[in-house]
């Protein structure tokens, strides 16, 4: 992902490159609601949003802690 922060409405693939907790079968498709503006560890973000199911519908609201450079924007 580029240096720009994820924006509300962005749909991201969140896998092992973003955090070890999302490796393999635990990866997510995630629609961003907001990015927490508070400073945290360099390169890491708290993102609030929805986990999307196979049909693209929101199935769970979550707040996740991920590495910015490990996020992939879905087209």
Protein backbone atom coordinates (compact mmCIF):
# COMPACT_ATOMS: atom_id res chain seq x y z
CA UNK A 1 0.00 0.00 0.00
CA UNK A 2 1.19 3.54 -0.62
CA UNK A 3 2.13 5.92 2.18
CA UNK A 4 -1.40 7.36 2.25
CA UNK A 5 -3.54 6.24 5.15
CA UNK A 6 -6.52 4.03 4.40
CA UNK A 7 -9.67 6.11 3.90
CA UNK A 8 -13.27 5.46 4.97
CA UNK A 9 -14.86 3.15 2.43
CA UNK A 10 -11.57 1.53 1.33
CA UNK A 11 -11.74 -2.25 1.12
CA UNK A 12 -8.51 -3.91 2.24
CA UNK A 13 -7.05 -7.39 2.23
CA UNK A 14 -5.59 -7.96 5.71
CA UNK A 15 -3.25 -10.94 5.81
CA UNK A 16 -0.08 -12.10 7.51
CA UNK A 17 1.97 -9.18 6.13
CA UNK A 18 -0.26 -6.82 8.14
CA UNK A 19 -0.06 -8.82 11.39
CA UNK A 20 0.76 -12.39 12.38
CA UNK A 21 -2.76 -12.74 13.80
CA UNK A 22 -4.18 -12.56 10.25
CA UNK A 23 -2.03 -15.27 8.63
CA UNK A 24 -3.47 -17.95 6.37
CA UNK A 25 -7.11 -18.82 6.95
CA UNK A 26 -7.42 -15.95 9.45
CA UNK A 27 -6.99 -13.29 6.75
CA UNK A 28 -9.77 -10.73 6.34
CA UNK A 29 -11.44 -8.57 3.77
CA UNK A 30 -12.02 -5.35 5.70
CA UNK A 31 -13.98 -2.16 4.90
CA UNK A 32 -12.56 0.89 6.67
CA UNK A 33 -14.77 3.16 8.78
CA UNK A 34 -11.98 5.22 10.30
CA UNK A 35 -8.28 5.22 11.14
CA UNK A 36 -7.45 6.19 14.71
CA UNK A 37 -5.36 9.39 14.47
CA UNK A 38 -3.41 8.79 17.69
CA UNK A 39 0.28 7.99 17.38
CA UNK A 40 1.33 4.40 17.95
CA UNK A 41 4.35 2.31 17.05
CA UNK A 42 6.04 3.50 13.84
CA UNK A 43 4.27 2.01 10.83
CA UNK A 44 1.32 0.56 12.78
CA UNK A 45 -2.33 1.69 12.73
CA UNK A 46 -5.55 1.08 14.63
CA UNK A 47 -8.33 0.74 12.04
CA UNK A 48 -12.06 0.58 12.79
CA UNK A 49 -14.27 -1.15 10.25
CA UNK A 50 -16.22 -4.16 9.10
CA UNK A 51 -15.09 -7.67 8.23
CA UNK A 52 -16.72 -8.53 4.91
CA UNK A 53 -18.11 -11.95 4.05
CA UNK A 54 -17.71 -13.77 0.71
CA UNK A 55 -20.66 -11.85 -0.79
CA UNK A 56 -19.18 -8.50 0.31
CA UNK A 57 -21.65 -7.95 3.15
CA UNK A 58 -20.55 -6.72 6.57
CA UNK A 59 -20.53 -9.62 9.03
CA UNK A 60 -18.64 -8.21 12.02
CA UNK A 61 -17.46 -4.83 13.24
CA UNK A 62 -13.87 -4.84 14.55
CA UNK A 63 -10.99 -2.62 15.50
CA UNK A 64 -7.69 -4.06 14.25
CA UNK A 65 -4.03 -3.18 14.87
CA UNK A 66 -1.98 -3.64 11.69
CA UNK A 67 1.20 -2.68 9.86
CA UNK A 68 0.42 -0.05 7.24
CA UNK A 69 2.84 -1.50 4.69
CA UNK A 70 1.22 -4.95 5.00
CA UNK A 71 -2.22 -3.77 3.86
CA UNK A 72 -3.39 -4.36 0.30
CA UNK A 73 -6.20 -2.31 -1.19
CA UNK A 74 -8.76 -4.43 -3.05
CA UNK A 75 -10.04 -3.18 -6.40
